[in-house]
Amino acid sequence: MQVLQGGSHEDERGTVFYNNSLDLTLVKRMYVIENKDIDTCRAWQGHKIESRWFVVVQGIFEIKLVKIDDFENPSGNLEVQSFIINDNSMDSLFVEKGYASSIQALEPKSRLVVFSDYQLGEVKDDYKFDSQKWKQK
């Protein structure tokens, strides 16, 4: 995974938010996630084949990632990495194939745009794991 730094430019007309490091040439689809509240956590969904890019367009999200060692029977002690991304910076989080993610909004009405390098149904690549499997203490 990799955080691609964004930025902004402000003048008398307003502000332009950008991410010039985000190369979307591999993207085949996009969707937006808005959790119903800040207590809802979308944990854990993984992809063996699919890569994804996450960009927050409103609010703040915490995205936790786990590199899956075995998609049929993953270890329960895998390292959890946590990233906070928000709408202020236009930073993008690139998640390569082989990871499971946990996605939680930290502010109400937060929205996360997700880009994928596969069309929906193009490959069978959805792996859902118990939401408590890698719960940090």
C-alpha atoms as a PDB file:
ATOM      1  CA  MET A   1       0.000   0.000   0.000  1.00  0.00           C
ATOM      2  CA  GLN A   2       1.042   3.558  -0.565  1.00  0.00           C
ATOM      3  CA  VAL A   3      -0.225   6.999   0.407  1.00  0.00           C
ATOM      4  CA  LEU A   4      -0.214   9.311  -2.609  1.00  0.00           C
ATOM      5  CA  GLN A   5       0.102  12.899  -1.395  1.00  0.00           C
ATOM      6  CA  GLY A   6      -2.469  15.415  -2.565  1.00  0.00           C
ATOM      7  CA  GLY A   7      -2.614  19.132  -2.126  1.00  0.00           C
ATOM      8  CA  SER A   8      -4.623  22.278  -2.619  1.00  0.00           C
ATOM      9  CA  HIS A   9      -4.345  25.719  -4.106  1.00  0.00           C
ATOM     10  CA  GLU A  10      -6.369  28.663  -2.865  1.00  0.00           C
ATOM     11  CA  ASP A  11      -6.921  32.036  -4.468  1.00  0.00           C
ATOM     12  CA  GLU A  12      -9.654  34.695  -4.580  1.00  0.00           C
ATOM     13  CA  ARG A  13     -11.957  32.327  -6.538  1.00  0.00           C
ATOM     14  CA  GLY A  14     -11.830  29.482  -4.018  1.00  0.00           C
ATOM     15  CA  THR A  15      -9.851  26.300  -3.555  1.00  0.00           C
ATOM     16  CA  VAL A  16      -8.750  23.554  -5.932  1.00  0.00           C
ATOM     17  CA  PHE A  17      -7.946  20.218  -4.303  1.00  0.00           C
ATOM     18  CA  TYR A  18      -5.787  17.874  -6.364  1.00  0.00           C
ATOM     19  CA  ASN A  19      -3.733  14.717  -6.376  1.00  0.00           C
ATOM     20  CA  ASN A  20      -1.237  14.801  -9.224  1.00  0.00           C
ATOM     21  CA  SER A  21       0.347  11.522  -8.067  1.00  0.00           C
ATOM     22  CA  LEU A  22      -2.838   9.516  -8.547  1.00  0.00           C
ATOM     23  CA  ASP A  23      -2.597   7.604 -11.839  1.00  0.00           C
ATOM     24  CA  LEU A  24      -6.010   6.178 -12.726  1.00  0.00           C
ATOM     25  CA  THR A  25      -5.095   4.524 -16.037  1.00  0.00           C
ATOM     26  CA  LEU A  26      -5.839   1.044 -14.585  1.00  0.00           C
ATOM     27  CA  VAL A  27      -9.231   1.989 -13.121  1.00  0.00           C
ATOM     28  CA  LYS A  28     -12.297   0.217 -14.494  1.00  0.00           C
ATOM     29  CA  ARG A  29     -14.949   1.300 -11.979  1.00  0.00           C
ATOM     30  CA  MET A  30     -15.648   3.540  -9.015  1.00  0.00           C
ATOM     31  CA  TYR A  31     -18.112   3.692  -6.164  1.00  0.00           C
ATOM     32  CA  VAL A  32     -18.760   5.813  -3.065  1.00  0.00           C
ATOM     33  CA  ILE A  33     -19.026   4.577   0.521  1.00  0.00           C
ATOM     34  CA  GLU A  34     -20.983   6.529   3.130  1.00  0.00           C
ATOM     35  CA  ASN A  35     -21.414   4.593   6.371  1.00  0.00           C
ATOM     36  CA  LYS A  36     -24.752   5.100   8.127  1.00  0.00           C
ATOM     37  CA  ASP A  37     -22.972   6.485  11.218  1.00  0.00           C
ATOM     38  CA  ILE A  38     -19.545   6.700  12.852  1.00  0.00           C
ATOM     39  CA  ASP A  39     -20.141   3.509  14.858  1.00  0.00           C
ATOM     40  CA  THR A  40     -20.454   1.401  11.703  1.00  0.00           C
ATOM     41  CA  CYS A  41     -17.266  -0.347  10.628  1.00  0.00           C
ATOM     42  CA  ARG A  42     -17.009  -2.211   7.329  1.00  0.00           C
ATOM     43  CA  ALA A  43     -14.582  -4.920   8.409  1.00  0.00           C
ATOM     44  CA  TRP A  44     -13.001  -7.111   6.942  1.00  0.00           C
ATOM     45  CA  GLN A  45     -13.256  -7.489   3.159  1.00  0.00           C
ATOM     46  CA  GLY A  46     -10.322  -8.667   1.099  1.00  0.00           C
ATOM     47  CA  HIS A  47      -9.260  -9.034  -2.500  1.00  0.00           C
ATOM     48  CA  LYS A  48      -6.719 -11.532  -3.778  1.00  0.00           C
ATOM     49  CA  ILE A  49      -6.689 -10.054  -7.313  1.00  0.00           C
ATOM     50  CA  GLU A  50      -8.201  -6.568  -7.166  1.00  0.00           C
ATOM     51  CA  SER A  51      -6.304  -3.387  -6.299  1.00  0.00           C
ATOM     52  CA  ARG A  52      -8.090  -0.299  -5.010  1.00  0.00           C
ATOM     53  CA  TRP A  53      -7.535   3.421  -4.534  1.00  0.00           C
ATOM     54  CA  PHE A  54      -9.322   5.309  -1.738  1.00  0.00           C
ATOM     55  CA  VAL A  55      -9.980   9.074  -1.789  1.00  0.00           C
ATOM     56  CA  VAL A  56     -12.007  10.903   0.871  1.00  0.00           C
ATOM     57  CA  VAL A  57     -14.204  13.587  -0.682  1.00  0.00           C
ATOM     58  CA  GLN A  58     -16.013  14.516   2.529  1.00  0.00           C
ATOM     59  CA  GLY A  59     -15.020  14.047   6.164  1.00  0.00           C
ATOM     60  CA  ILE A  60     -12.464  11.662   7.646  1.00  0.00           C
ATOM     61  CA  PHE A  61     -11.975   7.897   7.446  1.00  0.00           C
ATOM     62  CA  GLU A  62      -9.790   5.399   9.225  1.00  0.00           C
ATOM     63  CA  ILE A  63      -8.790   2.573   6.925  1.00  0.00           C
ATOM     64  CA  LYS A  64      -7.113  -0.446   8.464  1.00  0.00           C
ATOM     65  CA  LEU A  65      -5.331  -2.986   6.291  1.00  0.00           C
ATOM     66  CA  VAL A  66      -4.112  -6.532   6.774  1.00  0.00           C
ATOM     67  CA  LYS A  67      -1.890  -8.397   4.291  1.00  0.00           C
ATOM     68  CA  ILE A  68      -3.638 -11.774   3.983  1.00  0.00           C
ATOM     69  CA  ASP A  69      -1.357 -14.808   4.267  1.00  0.00           C
ATOM     70  CA  ASP A  70      -3.981 -17.400   3.257  1.00  0.00           C
ATOM     71  CA  PHE A  71      -7.350 -16.346   1.843  1.00  0.00           C
ATOM     72  CA  GLU A  72      -9.020 -19.636   2.820  1.00  0.00           C
ATOM     73  CA  ASN A  73      -7.716 -19.694   6.404  1.00  0.00           C
ATOM     74  CA  PRO A  74      -5.850 -16.489   7.354  1.00  0.00           C
ATOM     75  CA  SER A  75      -3.835 -16.232  10.554  1.00  0.00           C
ATOM     76  CA  GLY A  76      -5.466 -14.384  13.412  1.00  0.00           C
ATOM     77  CA  ASN A  77      -2.268 -12.559  14.402  1.00  0.00           C
ATOM     78  CA  LEU A  78      -1.591 -10.593  11.209  1.00  0.00           C
ATOM     79  CA  GLU A  79      -0.234  -7.057  11.538  1.00  0.00           C
ATOM     80  CA  VAL A  80      -2.887  -4.340  11.226  1.00  0.00           C
ATOM     81  CA  GLN A  81      -1.807  -1.078   9.616  1.00  0.00           C
ATOM     82  CA  SER A  82      -3.967   1.997  10.114  1.00  0.00           C
ATOM     83  CA  PHE A  83      -4.327   5.083   7.917  1.00  0.00           C
ATOM     84  CA  ILE A  84      -6.330   8.249   8.531  1.00  0.00           C
ATOM     85  CA  ILE A  85      -7.292  10.072   5.347  1.00  0.00           C
ATOM     86  CA  ASN A  86      -9.456  13.155   5.082  1.00  0.00           C
ATOM     87  CA  ASP A  87     -10.954  15.626   2.645  1.00  0.00           C
ATOM     88  CA  ASN A  88      -8.473  18.419   3.491  1.00  0.00           C
ATOM     89  CA  SER A  89      -5.489  17.023   1.630  1.00  0.00           C
ATOM     90  CA  MET A  90      -6.826  14.903  -1.268  1.00  0.00           C
ATOM     91  CA  ASP A  91      -4.364  12.211  -0.240  1.00  0.00           C
ATOM     92  CA  SER A  92      -5.130   8.856  -1.840  1.00  0.00           C
ATOM     93  CA  LEU A  93      -4.487   5.460  -0.334  1.00  0.00           C
ATOM     94  CA  PHE A  94      -3.452   2.822  -2.878  1.00  0.00           C
ATOM     95  CA  VAL A  95      -4.079  -0.740  -1.714  1.00  0.00           C
ATOM     96  CA  GLU A  96      -2.557  -3.429  -3.865  1.00  0.00           C
ATOM     97  CA  LYS A  97      -4.076  -6.884  -4.245  1.00  0.00           C
ATOM     98  CA  GLY A  98      -3.740  -9.282  -1.333  1.00  0.00           C
ATOM     99  CA  TYR A  99      -5.131  -7.088   1.454  1.00  0.00           C
ATOM    100  CA  ALA A 100      -8.282  -7.012   3.562  1.00  0.00           C
ATOM    101  CA  SER A 101      -9.642  -3.660   4.680  1.00  0.00           C
ATOM    102  CA  SER A 102     -11.652  -2.216   7.535  1.00  0.00           C
ATOM    103  CA  ILE A 103     -13.316   1.122   6.787  1.00  0.00           C
ATOM    104  CA  GLN A 104     -14.763   3.438   9.421  1.00  0.00           C
ATOM    105  CA  ALA A 105     -15.935   7.032   9.118  1.00  0.00           C
ATOM    106  CA  LEU A 106     -14.692   9.305  11.913  1.00  0.00           C
ATOM    107  CA  GLU A 107     -17.157  12.110  11.149  1.00  0.00           C
ATOM    108  CA  PRO A 108     -20.859  11.885  10.256  1.00  0.00           C
ATOM    109  CA  LYS A 109     -21.706  12.042   6.523  1.00  0.00           C
ATOM    110  CA  SER A 110     -18.133  11.201   5.488  1.00  0.00           C
ATOM    111  CA  ARG A 111     -17.804   9.949   1.902  1.00  0.00           C
ATOM    112  CA  LEU A 112     -15.088   7.751   0.468  1.00  0.00           C
ATOM    113  CA  VAL A 113     -14.584   7.273  -3.277  1.00  0.00           C
ATOM    114  CA  VAL A 114     -13.164   3.866  -4.175  1.00  0.00           C
ATOM    115  CA  PHE A 115     -11.585   3.077  -7.543  1.00  0.00           C
ATOM    116  CA  SER A 116     -11.002  -0.519  -8.657  1.00  0.00           C
ATOM    117  CA  ASP A 117      -8.982  -2.108 -11.433  1.00  0.00           C
ATOM    118  CA  TYR A 118     -11.707  -4.709 -12.143  1.00  0.00           C
ATOM    119  CA  GLN A 119     -15.328  -4.411 -13.221  1.00  0.00           C
ATOM    120  CA  LEU A 120     -17.992  -5.732 -10.851  1.00  0.00           C
ATOM    121  CA  GLY A 121     -18.354  -9.457 -11.573  1.00  0.00           C
ATOM    122  CA  GLU A 122     -15.295  -9.586 -13.857  1.00  0.00           C
ATOM    123  CA  VAL A 123     -13.503 -11.854 -11.374  1.00  0.00           C
ATOM    124  CA  LYS A 124     -14.665 -13.733  -8.297  1.00  0.00           C
ATOM    125  CA  ASP A 125     -12.577 -11.921  -5.722  1.00  0.00           C
ATOM    126  CA  ASP A 126     -14.636 -10.987  -2.650  1.00  0.00           C
ATOM    127  CA  TYR A 127     -13.420 -12.449   0.621  1.00  0.00           C
ATOM    128  CA  LYS A 128     -15.258 -11.496   3.799  1.00  0.00           C
ATOM    129  CA  PHE A 129     -13.752 -12.227   7.196  1.00  0.00           C
ATOM    130  CA  ASP A 130     -15.158 -11.951  10.726  1.00  0.00           C
ATOM    131  CA  SER A 131     -15.343  -8.285  11.758  1.00  0.00           C
ATOM    132  CA  GLN A 132     -13.566  -9.096  15.033  1.00  0.00           C
ATOM    133  CA  LYS A 133     -10.775 -11.214  13.498  1.00  0.00           C
ATOM    134  CA  TRP A 134      -8.055  -8.564  13.668  1.00  0.00           C
ATOM    135  CA  LYS A 135      -9.584  -6.300  16.287  1.00  0.00           C
ATOM    136  CA  GLN A 136      -6.820  -4.268  17.872  1.00  0.00           C
ATOM    137  CA  LYS A 137      -6.631  -4.176  21.633  1.00  0.00           C
END
